[in-house]
Amino acid sequence: MTKHIRIPKPLSELNSVDTSEIKFLLTDVDDTITTKGRLLPSALKSLWDLHEQGMVIIPVTGGSAGWADVYFRQWPIDAVITESGALAWYRENGVRKRIDHLSICRDSYREKAGRLIKRVLTEVPDSKLSVDQFSRIYDIAFDHHEEPPFLDQHGIELITRICSEEGASFGVSSIHVNCWFGTYDKLDMVKHMLHAVYNLNEDEMKLKAAYCGDAPNDSPLFEFFPMSFGVANVLSPALNMPVMPVYSSSRNYGEGFSEIVAAILSSR
C-alpha cells in the first residue's frame, strides 16, 4: 500500500454530510471499541444504540476466533470477522454459519506456524505469543503492546521481517503483530462477506457501509471506504499509519467510538 498523507476531519464536519445511506458499520475492536482491553458501559450502549436504529454491526478484528465467539454471543452484532480476515461468522435464519477464507493453507499450517513461532521467540528479544493464542485457529499473534514487557518499533520490525522470510502475511494492530499463511487481510474478507451474505457489489459497499478503526492494519479499509472513522489514538505518530481515516473523534479508545456513533446517528 502506498503511504499518503490525509489529515482526518473533525466529527463536527459530519453535520453537513448525509449519512442516511449508511446501513452497515464495520469496526475494529481492540483500542477502538475497547479501552485498554475493557469494554466500557458507554461503548456497549453505543453498540445497542446502533442496533436499535437498525444498523448492521460487523466487528472486524485481528483478535482470536475465541473472542469472536464471545462477541457474537453477547453483543448486539449481526456478523463478525476475526483473525485478520481468516474467518467470519454470520446468522442465516437464526443459524450460526462460518466462512473460512479459501486461501488458508490448512495442510501445512502447523509445521509452518511452528517454525515461524520458534524463530520469532528465539531471535526477537522479549517477544512472546498473545495470551489468547490458545483460542486462535489460523492466526499467530505476537504481543507487542498488550502486556509488559512491551516491544519497541525495532522488535516489531524484526517480527515482520521474519514473517516475510517464512512466507507469512502479517498485519500490525495496536497490541499485536498478527501473522498468517494465506492471501487475505481484513478488507479482503469484508468484501467477500458483504457480497456473499448481503449481496452487495463494491459500489454498494462504498455507499452503504462505514468503517471505524485505530491501527495500521485498518488502513486498507480506511482507503477503501469513503466514510471512514478513527478514534483519536489513530493520530499517534508512533503508529506510522499508511492511510488515515476521513474523520477522527476527539477522544481515544471506547469513548472515541461512542463519539463516532453519536455523530453518525445524529447526522442520519
C-alpha atoms as a PDB file:
ATOM      1  CA  MET A   1       0.000   0.000   0.000  1.00  0.00           C
ATOM      2  CA  THR A   2       1.361   3.409  -0.965  1.00  0.00           C
ATOM      3  CA  LYS A   3       1.593   5.714   2.015  1.00  0.00           C
ATOM      4  CA  HIS A   4      -0.165   9.036   1.584  1.00  0.00           C
ATOM      5  CA  ILE A   5      -0.933  11.849   3.955  1.00  0.00           C
ATOM      6  CA  ARG A   6      -4.525  12.646   4.826  1.00  0.00           C
ATOM      7  CA  ILE A   7      -5.430  14.735   7.825  1.00  0.00           C
ATOM      8  CA  PRO A   8      -8.675  13.431   9.349  1.00  0.00           C
ATOM      9  CA  LYS A   9     -11.535  15.887   9.624  1.00  0.00           C
ATOM     10  CA  PRO A  10     -13.220  16.541  12.981  1.00  0.00           C
ATOM     11  CA  LEU A  11     -16.562  14.849  13.515  1.00  0.00           C
ATOM     12  CA  SER A  12     -18.271  18.247  13.558  1.00  0.00           C
ATOM     13  CA  GLU A  13     -17.880  18.319   9.766  1.00  0.00           C
ATOM     14  CA  LEU A  14     -20.151  15.288   9.540  1.00  0.00           C
ATOM     15  CA  ASN A  15     -23.092  17.610  10.290  1.00  0.00           C
ATOM     16  CA  SER A  16     -23.079  18.746   6.658  1.00  0.00           C
ATOM     17  CA  VAL A  17     -22.942  15.184   5.262  1.00  0.00           C
ATOM     18  CA  ASP A  18     -25.957  12.982   4.547  1.00  0.00           C
ATOM     19  CA  THR A  19     -25.279   9.579   6.107  1.00  0.00           C
ATOM     20  CA  SER A  20     -28.794   8.224   5.606  1.00  0.00           C
ATOM     21  CA  GLU A  21     -27.497   5.630   3.100  1.00  0.00           C
ATOM     22  CA  ILE A  22     -25.182   4.081   5.684  1.00  0.00           C
ATOM     23  CA  LYS A  23     -26.683   0.750   6.757  1.00  0.00           C
ATOM     24  CA  PHE A  24     -23.536  -1.124   7.869  1.00  0.00           C
ATOM     25  CA  LEU A  25     -20.954  -0.150  10.464  1.00  0.00           C
ATOM     26  CA  LEU A  26     -17.804  -2.255  10.292  1.00  0.00           C
ATOM     27  CA  THR A  27     -15.442  -1.681  13.194  1.00  0.00           C
ATOM     28  CA  ASP A  28     -12.212  -2.830  14.723  1.00  0.00           C
ATOM     29  CA  VAL A  29     -12.415  -3.981  18.359  1.00  0.00           C
ATOM     30  CA  ASP A  30      -9.185  -3.651  20.379  1.00  0.00           C
ATOM     31  CA  ASP A  31      -8.467   0.003  21.252  1.00  0.00           C
ATOM     32  CA  THR A  32     -11.412   1.072  19.073  1.00  0.00           C
ATOM     33  CA  ILE A  33     -14.450  -0.283  20.910  1.00  0.00           C
ATOM     34  CA  THR A  34     -12.460  -1.348  23.963  1.00  0.00           C
ATOM     35  CA  THR A  35     -10.344   0.807  26.271  1.00  0.00           C
ATOM     36  CA  LYS A  36      -7.107  -0.820  27.392  1.00  0.00           C
ATOM     37  CA  GLY A  37      -8.679  -4.231  26.953  1.00  0.00           C
ATOM     38  CA  ARG A  38     -12.014  -3.461  28.608  1.00  0.00           C
ATOM     39  CA  LEU A  39     -15.457  -2.722  27.249  1.00  0.00           C
ATOM     40  CA  LEU A  40     -16.781   0.473  28.833  1.00  0.00           C
ATOM     41  CA  PRO A  41     -20.538   0.793  29.523  1.00  0.00           C
ATOM     42  CA  SER A  42     -20.694   3.769  27.149  1.00  0.00           C
ATOM     43  CA  ALA A  43     -19.219   1.740  24.271  1.00  0.00           C
ATOM     44  CA  LEU A  44     -21.618  -1.158  24.861  1.00  0.00           C
ATOM     45  CA  LYS A  45     -24.516   1.310  24.937  1.00  0.00           C
ATOM     46  CA  SER A  46     -23.325   2.735  21.613  1.00  0.00           C
ATOM     47  CA  LEU A  47     -23.496  -0.746  20.080  1.00  0.00           C
ATOM     48  CA  TRP A  48     -27.067  -1.093  21.340  1.00  0.00           C
ATOM     49  CA  ASP A  49     -27.925   2.395  20.028  1.00  0.00           C
ATOM     50  CA  LEU A  50     -26.761   1.339  16.559  1.00  0.00           C
ATOM     51  CA  HIS A  51     -28.674  -1.930  16.805  1.00  0.00           C
ATOM     52  CA  GLU A  52     -31.886  -0.210  17.841  1.00  0.00           C
ATOM     53  CA  GLN A  53     -31.588   2.128  14.845  1.00  0.00           C
ATOM     54  CA  GLY A  54     -31.425  -0.874  12.510  1.00  0.00           C
ATOM     55  CA  MET A  55     -27.721  -0.603  11.696  1.00  0.00           C
ATOM     56  CA  VAL A  56     -25.942  -3.826  10.717  1.00  0.00           C
ATOM     57  CA  ILE A  57     -22.894  -4.064  13.007  1.00  0.00           C
ATOM     58  CA  ILE A  58     -19.895  -6.175  11.983  1.00  0.00           C
ATOM     59  CA  PRO A  59     -16.730  -6.175  14.127  1.00  0.00           C
ATOM     60  CA  VAL A  60     -13.598  -6.790  12.060  1.00  0.00           C
ATOM     61  CA  THR A  61     -10.721  -7.813  14.280  1.00  0.00           C
ATOM     62  CA  GLY A  62      -7.295  -9.388  14.390  1.00  0.00           C
ATOM     63  CA  GLY A  63      -8.459 -10.959  17.633  1.00  0.00           C
ATOM     64  CA  SER A  64      -8.910 -14.672  18.131  1.00  0.00           C
ATOM     65  CA  ALA A  65     -11.766 -16.873  16.987  1.00  0.00           C
ATOM     66  CA  GLY A  66     -12.473 -17.477  20.668  1.00  0.00           C
ATOM     67  CA  TRP A  67     -13.055 -13.787  21.341  1.00  0.00           C
ATOM     68  CA  ALA A  68     -15.182 -13.520  18.203  1.00  0.00           C
ATOM     69  CA  ASP A  69     -17.403 -16.303  19.518  1.00  0.00           C
ATOM     70  CA  VAL A  70     -17.935 -14.303  22.719  1.00  0.00           C
ATOM     71  CA  TYR A  71     -18.740 -11.110  20.797  1.00  0.00           C
ATOM     72  CA  PHE A  72     -21.183 -12.936  18.562  1.00  0.00           C
ATOM     73  CA  ARG A  73     -22.999 -14.492  21.508  1.00  0.00           C
ATOM     74  CA  GLN A  74     -23.159 -11.453  23.790  1.00  0.00           C
ATOM     75  CA  TRP A  75     -23.001  -8.244  21.737  1.00  0.00           C
ATOM     76  CA  PRO A  76     -25.830  -6.845  19.556  1.00  0.00           C
ATOM     77  CA  ILE A  77     -23.939  -7.608  16.337  1.00  0.00           C
ATOM     78  CA  ASP A  78     -25.030  -9.238  13.086  1.00  0.00           C
ATOM     79  CA  ALA A  79     -21.752 -10.837  11.996  1.00  0.00           C
ATOM     80  CA  VAL A  80     -18.075 -10.841  12.950  1.00  0.00           C
ATOM     81  CA  ILE A  81     -14.815 -11.155  11.018  1.00  0.00           C
ATOM     82  CA  THR A  82     -11.836 -12.371  13.003  1.00  0.00           C
ATOM     83  CA  GLU A  83      -8.160 -13.333  12.863  1.00  0.00           C
ATOM     84  CA  SER A  84      -7.409 -10.562  10.349  1.00  0.00           C
ATOM     85  CA  GLY A  85      -9.853 -11.949   7.787  1.00  0.00           C
ATOM     86  CA  ALA A  86      -9.309 -15.694   8.170  1.00  0.00           C
ATOM     87  CA  LEU A  87     -12.806 -16.405   9.492  1.00  0.00           C
ATOM     88  CA  ALA A  88     -16.270 -14.899   9.554  1.00  0.00           C
ATOM     89  CA  TRP A  89     -19.484 -15.771  11.347  1.00  0.00           C
ATOM     90  CA  TYR A  90     -22.995 -14.693  10.441  1.00  0.00           C
ATOM     91  CA  ARG A  91     -26.567 -15.778  11.091  1.00  0.00           C
ATOM     92  CA  GLU A  92     -28.918 -17.205   8.499  1.00  0.00           C
ATOM     93  CA  ASN A  93     -32.485 -17.902   9.634  1.00  0.00           C
ATOM     94  CA  GLY A  94     -31.253 -17.929  13.213  1.00  0.00           C
ATOM     95  CA  VAL A  95     -28.495 -20.460  12.486  1.00  0.00           C
ATOM     96  CA  ARG A  96     -24.845 -19.509  13.006  1.00  0.00           C
ATOM     97  CA  LYS A  97     -22.695 -20.099   9.940  1.00  0.00           C
ATOM     98  CA  ARG A  98     -18.960 -19.791   9.389  1.00  0.00           C
ATOM     99  CA  ILE A  99     -16.805 -18.814   6.412  1.00  0.00           C
ATOM    100  CA  ASP A 100     -13.124 -19.820   6.211  1.00  0.00           C
ATOM    101  CA  HIS A 101     -11.076 -17.897   3.673  1.00  0.00           C
ATOM    102  CA  LEU A 102     -10.312 -20.093   0.656  1.00  0.00           C
ATOM    103  CA  SER A 103      -6.609 -19.199   0.566  1.00  0.00           C
ATOM    104  CA  ILE A 104      -5.837 -20.564   4.038  1.00  0.00           C
ATOM    105  CA  CYS A 105      -3.061 -23.142   3.940  1.00  0.00           C
ATOM    106  CA  ARG A 106      -4.542 -25.918   6.104  1.00  0.00           C
ATOM    107  CA  ASP A 107      -2.380 -28.952   5.287  1.00  0.00           C
ATOM    108  CA  SER A 108       0.974 -27.472   6.290  1.00  0.00           C
ATOM    109  CA  TYR A 109      -0.264 -24.843   8.741  1.00  0.00           C
ATOM    110  CA  ARG A 110       1.045 -26.473  11.939  1.00  0.00           C
ATOM    111  CA  GLU A 111       4.505 -27.054  10.502  1.00  0.00           C
ATOM    112  CA  LYS A 112       4.816 -23.544   9.085  1.00  0.00           C
ATOM    113  CA  ALA A 113       3.371 -21.884  12.188  1.00  0.00           C
ATOM    114  CA  GLY A 114       5.679 -23.858  14.473  1.00  0.00           C
ATOM    115  CA  ARG A 115       8.750 -22.827  12.504  1.00  0.00           C
ATOM    116  CA  LEU A 116       7.685 -19.160  12.489  1.00  0.00           C
ATOM    117  CA  ILE A 117       6.934 -19.123  16.223  1.00  0.00           C
ATOM    118  CA  LYS A 118      10.269 -20.763  17.069  1.00  0.00           C
ATOM    119  CA  ARG A 119      12.228 -18.219  15.009  1.00  0.00           C
ATOM    120  CA  VAL A 120      10.476 -15.186  16.487  1.00  0.00           C
ATOM    121  CA  LEU A 121      10.742 -16.350  20.095  1.00  0.00           C
ATOM    122  CA  THR A 122      14.427 -17.217  19.545  1.00  0.00           C
ATOM    123  CA  GLU A 123      15.545 -14.203  17.504  1.00  0.00           C
ATOM    124  CA  VAL A 124      13.465 -11.311  18.896  1.00  0.00           C
ATOM    125  CA  PRO A 125      14.336 -10.341  22.495  1.00  0.00           C
ATOM    126  CA  ASP A 126      11.315 -10.127  24.861  1.00  0.00           C
ATOM    127  CA  SER A 127       8.953 -11.469  22.178  1.00  0.00           C
ATOM    128  CA  LYS A 128       6.011 -13.599  23.277  1.00  0.00           C
ATOM    129  CA  LEU A 129       2.776 -15.003  21.941  1.00  0.00           C
ATOM    130  CA  SER A 130      -0.508 -13.297  22.818  1.00  0.00           C
ATOM    131  CA  VAL A 131      -2.243 -14.592  25.932  1.00  0.00           C
ATOM    132  CA  ASP A 132      -5.201 -15.710  23.788  1.00  0.00           C
ATOM    133  CA  GLN A 133      -3.110 -17.646  21.263  1.00  0.00           C
ATOM    134  CA  PHE A 134      -4.684 -20.867  22.544  1.00  0.00           C
ATOM    135  CA  SER A 135      -8.069 -19.775  21.122  1.00  0.00           C
ATOM    136  CA  ARG A 136      -6.809 -18.901  17.632  1.00  0.00           C
ATOM    137  CA  ILE A 137      -7.483 -21.216  14.703  1.00  0.00           C
ATOM    138  CA  TYR A 138      -5.303 -19.834  11.888  1.00  0.00           C
ATOM    139  CA  ASP A 139      -3.709 -16.677  13.279  1.00  0.00           C
ATOM    140  CA  ILE A 140      -0.384 -16.346  15.103  1.00  0.00           C
ATOM    141  CA  ALA A 141      -0.353 -13.275  17.332  1.00  0.00           C
ATOM    142  CA  PHE A 142       2.812 -11.870  18.886  1.00  0.00           C
ATOM    143  CA  ASP A 143       2.137  -9.408  21.691  1.00  0.00           C
ATOM    144  CA  HIS A 144       3.913  -6.078  21.255  1.00  0.00           C
ATOM    145  CA  HIS A 145       1.808  -3.810  23.485  1.00  0.00           C
ATOM    146  CA  GLU A 146      -0.879  -5.751  25.356  1.00  0.00           C
ATOM    147  CA  GLU A 147       1.078  -6.944  28.379  1.00  0.00           C
ATOM    148  CA  PRO A 148       4.611  -5.980  29.505  1.00  0.00           C
ATOM    149  CA  PRO A 149       7.377  -6.223  28.598  1.00  0.00           C
ATOM    150  CA  PHE A 150       6.442  -4.199  25.500  1.00  0.00           C
ATOM    151  CA  LEU A 151       8.337  -4.332  22.216  1.00  0.00           C
ATOM    152  CA  ASP A 152       9.728  -1.220  20.575  1.00  0.00           C
ATOM    153  CA  GLN A 153       9.480  -0.468  16.860  1.00  0.00           C
ATOM    154  CA  HIS A 154      12.703  -2.360  16.192  1.00  0.00           C
ATOM    155  CA  GLY A 155      11.239  -5.503  17.765  1.00  0.00           C
ATOM    156  CA  ILE A 156       8.062  -5.174  15.691  1.00  0.00           C
ATOM    157  CA  GLU A 157      10.117  -4.773  12.519  1.00  0.00           C
ATOM    158  CA  LEU A 158      12.178  -7.860  13.373  1.00  0.00           C
ATOM    159  CA  ILE A 159       8.981  -9.914  13.667  1.00  0.00           C
ATOM    160  CA  THR A 160       7.596  -8.659  10.348  1.00  0.00           C
ATOM    161  CA  ARG A 161      10.931  -9.380   8.642  1.00  0.00           C
ATOM    162  CA  ILE A 162      10.885 -12.964   9.914  1.00  0.00           C
ATOM    163  CA  CYS A 163       7.279 -13.301   8.710  1.00  0.00           C
ATOM    164  CA  SER A 164       8.324 -12.220   5.224  1.00  0.00           C
ATOM    165  CA  GLU A 165      11.235 -14.654   5.213  1.00  0.00           C
ATOM    166  CA  GLU A 166       8.930 -17.502   6.270  1.00  0.00           C
ATOM    167  CA  GLY A 167       6.336 -16.672   3.604  1.00  0.00           C
ATOM    168  CA  ALA A 168       3.717 -15.410   6.054  1.00  0.00           C
ATOM    169  CA  SER A 169       1.425 -12.425   5.661  1.00  0.00           C
ATOM    170  CA  PHE A 170       1.215 -10.026   8.585  1.00  0.00           C
ATOM    171  CA  GLY A 171      -0.584  -7.006   9.974  1.00  0.00           C
ATOM    172  CA  VAL A 172       0.277  -4.730  12.875  1.00  0.00           C
ATOM    173  CA  SER A 173      -2.524  -3.800  15.267  1.00  0.00           C
ATOM    174  CA  SER A 174      -2.309  -1.546  18.310  1.00  0.00           C
ATOM    175  CA  ILE A 175      -1.379  -4.544  20.504  1.00  0.00           C
ATOM    176  CA  HIS A 176      -0.273  -7.461  18.287  1.00  0.00           C
ATOM    177  CA  VAL A 177       1.686  -8.409  15.225  1.00  0.00           C
ATOM    178  CA  ASN A 178      -0.726 -10.829  13.543  1.00  0.00           C
ATOM    179  CA  CYS A 179       0.781 -13.405  11.168  1.00  0.00           C
ATOM    180  CA  TRP A 180      -0.906 -15.932   8.894  1.00  0.00           C
ATOM    181  CA  PHE A 181      -0.380 -18.225   5.927  1.00  0.00           C
ATOM    182  CA  GLY A 182      -2.885 -17.161   3.276  1.00  0.00           C
ATOM    183  CA  THR A 183      -3.539 -14.360   0.786  1.00  0.00           C
ATOM    184  CA  TYR A 184      -6.097 -12.297   2.664  1.00  0.00           C
ATOM    185  CA  ASP A 185      -6.466  -9.362   5.009  1.00  0.00           C
ATOM    186  CA  LYS A 186      -9.322  -7.629   6.823  1.00  0.00           C
ATOM    187  CA  LEU A 187     -10.521  -5.836   3.682  1.00  0.00           C
ATOM    188  CA  ASP A 188     -10.479  -8.980   1.544  1.00  0.00           C
ATOM    189  CA  MET A 189     -12.825 -10.830   3.919  1.00  0.00           C
ATOM    190  CA  VAL A 190     -15.015  -7.745   4.400  1.00  0.00           C
ATOM    191  CA  LYS A 191     -15.638  -7.550   0.665  1.00  0.00           C
ATOM    192  CA  HIS A 192     -16.193 -11.310   0.426  1.00  0.00           C
ATOM    193  CA  MET A 193     -18.710 -11.339   3.294  1.00  0.00           C
ATOM    194  CA  LEU A 194     -20.633  -8.254   2.186  1.00  0.00           C
ATOM    195  CA  HIS A 195     -21.034  -9.803  -1.249  1.00  0.00           C
ATOM    196  CA  ALA A 196     -21.708 -13.414  -0.213  1.00  0.00           C
ATOM    197  CA  VAL A 197     -24.010 -12.728   2.738  1.00  0.00           C
ATOM    198  CA  TYR A 198     -25.529  -9.308   1.985  1.00  0.00           C
ATOM    199  CA  ASN A 199     -25.362  -9.390  -1.845  1.00  0.00           C
ATOM    200  CA  LEU A 200     -23.536  -6.038  -2.158  1.00  0.00           C
ATOM    201  CA  ASN A 201     -21.221  -5.152  -5.019  1.00  0.00           C
ATOM    202  CA  GLU A 202     -18.216  -2.904  -4.355  1.00  0.00           C
ATOM    203  CA  ASP A 203     -20.025   0.307  -5.349  1.00  0.00           C
ATOM    204  CA  GLU A 204     -22.856  -0.543  -2.952  1.00  0.00           C
ATOM    205  CA  MET A 205     -20.345  -1.340  -0.197  1.00  0.00           C
ATOM    206  CA  LYS A 206     -18.802   2.114  -0.525  1.00  0.00           C
ATOM    207  CA  LEU A 207     -22.221   3.745  -0.462  1.00  0.00           C
ATOM    208  CA  LYS A 208     -23.849   1.757   2.340  1.00  0.00           C
ATOM    209  CA  ALA A 209     -21.004   0.888   4.737  1.00  0.00           C
ATOM    210  CA  ALA A 210     -18.655   2.834   7.004  1.00  0.00           C
ATOM    211  CA  TYR A 211     -15.532   1.658   8.792  1.00  0.00           C
ATOM    212  CA  CYS A 212     -14.104   2.577  12.189  1.00  0.00           C
ATOM    213  CA  GLY A 213     -10.619   1.658  13.436  1.00  0.00           C
ATOM    214  CA  ASP A 214      -7.391   2.739  15.076  1.00  0.00           C
ATOM    215  CA  ALA A 215      -4.299   0.910  13.761  1.00  0.00           C
ATOM    216  CA  PRO A 216      -2.111   0.297  10.687  1.00  0.00           C
ATOM    217  CA  ASN A 217      -3.956  -2.916   9.787  1.00  0.00           C
ATOM    218  CA  ASP A 218      -7.103  -0.800   9.379  1.00  0.00           C
ATOM    219  CA  SER A 219      -5.501   1.362   6.673  1.00  0.00           C
ATOM    220  CA  PRO A 220      -6.734  -0.739   3.702  1.00  0.00           C
ATOM    221  CA  LEU A 221     -10.295  -0.240   4.977  1.00  0.00           C
ATOM    222  CA  PHE A 222      -9.750   3.486   5.559  1.00  0.00           C
ATOM    223  CA  GLU A 223      -8.621   3.688   1.934  1.00  0.00           C
ATOM    224  CA  PHE A 224     -11.491   1.610   0.527  1.00  0.00           C
ATOM    225  CA  PHE A 225     -14.473   3.165   2.329  1.00  0.00           C
ATOM    226  CA  PRO A 226     -15.287   6.824   1.577  1.00  0.00           C
ATOM    227  CA  MET A 227     -16.942   7.021   5.011  1.00  0.00           C
ATOM    228  CA  SER A 228     -14.173   6.023   7.428  1.00  0.00           C
ATOM    229  CA  PHE A 229     -13.569   6.952  11.056  1.00  0.00           C
ATOM    230  CA  GLY A 230     -10.713   6.698  13.510  1.00  0.00           C
ATOM    231  CA  VAL A 231     -10.754   7.018  17.263  1.00  0.00           C
ATOM    232  CA  ALA A 232      -8.328   9.758  18.358  1.00  0.00           C
ATOM    233  CA  ASN A 233      -5.497   7.340  19.196  1.00  0.00           C
ATOM    234  CA  VAL A 234      -5.156   6.739  15.449  1.00  0.00           C
ATOM    235  CA  LEU A 235      -3.387  10.127  15.333  1.00  0.00           C
ATOM    236  CA  SER A 236      -0.368   8.897  17.312  1.00  0.00           C
ATOM    237  CA  PRO A 237       2.802   9.476  15.219  1.00  0.00           C
ATOM    238  CA  ALA A 238       4.218   6.215  16.615  1.00  0.00           C
ATOM    239  CA  LEU A 239       1.687   4.204  14.593  1.00  0.00           C
ATOM    240  CA  ASN A 240       3.172   5.337  11.273  1.00  0.00           C
ATOM    241  CA  MET A 241      -0.220   4.924   9.579  1.00  0.00           C
ATOM    242  CA  PRO A 242      -0.075   4.218   5.822  1.00  0.00           C
ATOM    243  CA  VAL A 243      -3.571   5.733   5.326  1.00  0.00           C
ATOM    244  CA  MET A 244      -5.584   7.849   7.725  1.00  0.00           C
ATOM    245  CA  PRO A 245      -9.394   7.766   8.093  1.00  0.00           C
ATOM    246  CA  VAL A 246     -11.549  10.579   6.706  1.00  0.00           C
ATOM    247  CA  TYR A 247     -12.850  11.563  10.157  1.00  0.00           C
ATOM    248  CA  SER A 248     -11.442  11.311  13.659  1.00  0.00           C
ATOM    249  CA  SER A 249     -13.006  11.570  17.100  1.00  0.00           C
ATOM    250  CA  SER A 250     -11.578  13.900  19.739  1.00  0.00           C
ATOM    251  CA  ARG A 251     -11.413  11.104  22.332  1.00  0.00           C
ATOM    252  CA  ASN A 252      -9.409   7.912  22.485  1.00  0.00           C
ATOM    253  CA  TYR A 253     -10.499   4.270  22.508  1.00  0.00           C
ATOM    254  CA  GLY A 254     -14.046   3.339  23.526  1.00  0.00           C
ATOM    255  CA  GLU A 255     -15.014   6.921  24.380  1.00  0.00           C
ATOM    256  CA  GLY A 256     -13.986   7.900  20.866  1.00  0.00           C
ATOM    257  CA  PHE A 257     -16.088   5.079  19.449  1.00  0.00           C
ATOM    258  CA  SER A 258     -19.120   6.376  21.360  1.00  0.00           C
ATOM    259  CA  GLU A 259     -18.431   9.848  19.994  1.00  0.00           C
ATOM    260  CA  ILE A 260     -18.320   8.488  16.431  1.00  0.00           C
ATOM    261  CA  VAL A 261     -21.547   6.517  16.850  1.00  0.00           C
ATOM    262  CA  ALA A 262     -23.346   9.572  18.247  1.00  0.00           C
ATOM    263  CA  ALA A 263     -22.155  11.670  15.287  1.00  0.00           C
ATOM    264  CA  ILE A 264     -23.301   9.068  12.744  1.00  0.00           C
ATOM    265  CA  LEU A 265     -26.730   8.654  14.306  1.00  0.00           C
ATOM    266  CA  SER A 266     -27.303  12.402  14.684  1.00  0.00           C
ATOM    267  CA  SER A 267     -26.490  13.011  11.014  1.00  0.00           C
ATOM    268  CA  ARG A 268     -28.882  10.350   9.700  1.00  0.00           C
END
